[in-house]
Amino acid sequence: MEVLSEAHLYFLSVDPKSLDYDKTNDILIFEFNRKQVRIKKGLKNEDLGSIFGELCYNVDVNGKVVLDISVNIGDSAIFFALQGASKVIAFEPIPSNFKLLEYNVILNSFEDIIFIKKGNICFKYDFKIAK
């Protein structure tokens, strides 16, 4: 199989049976927690290996609300949803990334868990953080 990016190489090294690529639509397809994950433009996102392979977000989000800032194309938000977050509020300020974020959330059927917001949190929103 041709190696197309660092993210692709990482997934091939971890579990090549669970990896597929829809070249026509530029969608990386893999399995995580026994569920199929589809990420448009996933081959260009080198964070996928650390998020889904190395589990760099080593936090218990099960049943919790997650605030994901600068969510990029939605990979981390999808990861948190798959880890059991009750809600993910995802902010993305870059218009091209925001469109991919919307697409990836719908592609993975997480519209009822991941709520996306366009813009940068530091200028528009006031939050109180509770333990």
Foldseek 3Di string as FASTA:
>chain_A
DDQDALLSVLCCVPDVVQWDADVVQQWIWGDAPNDIAIARVVRVDNCLCCVRPVVVVPDQQAQAEAEAFQCFLPNNVVSSVSSHHQAYEYEHADVVSVVNNVVRCVVRVNCNHYHYDYRGCVPPDDDDDDD
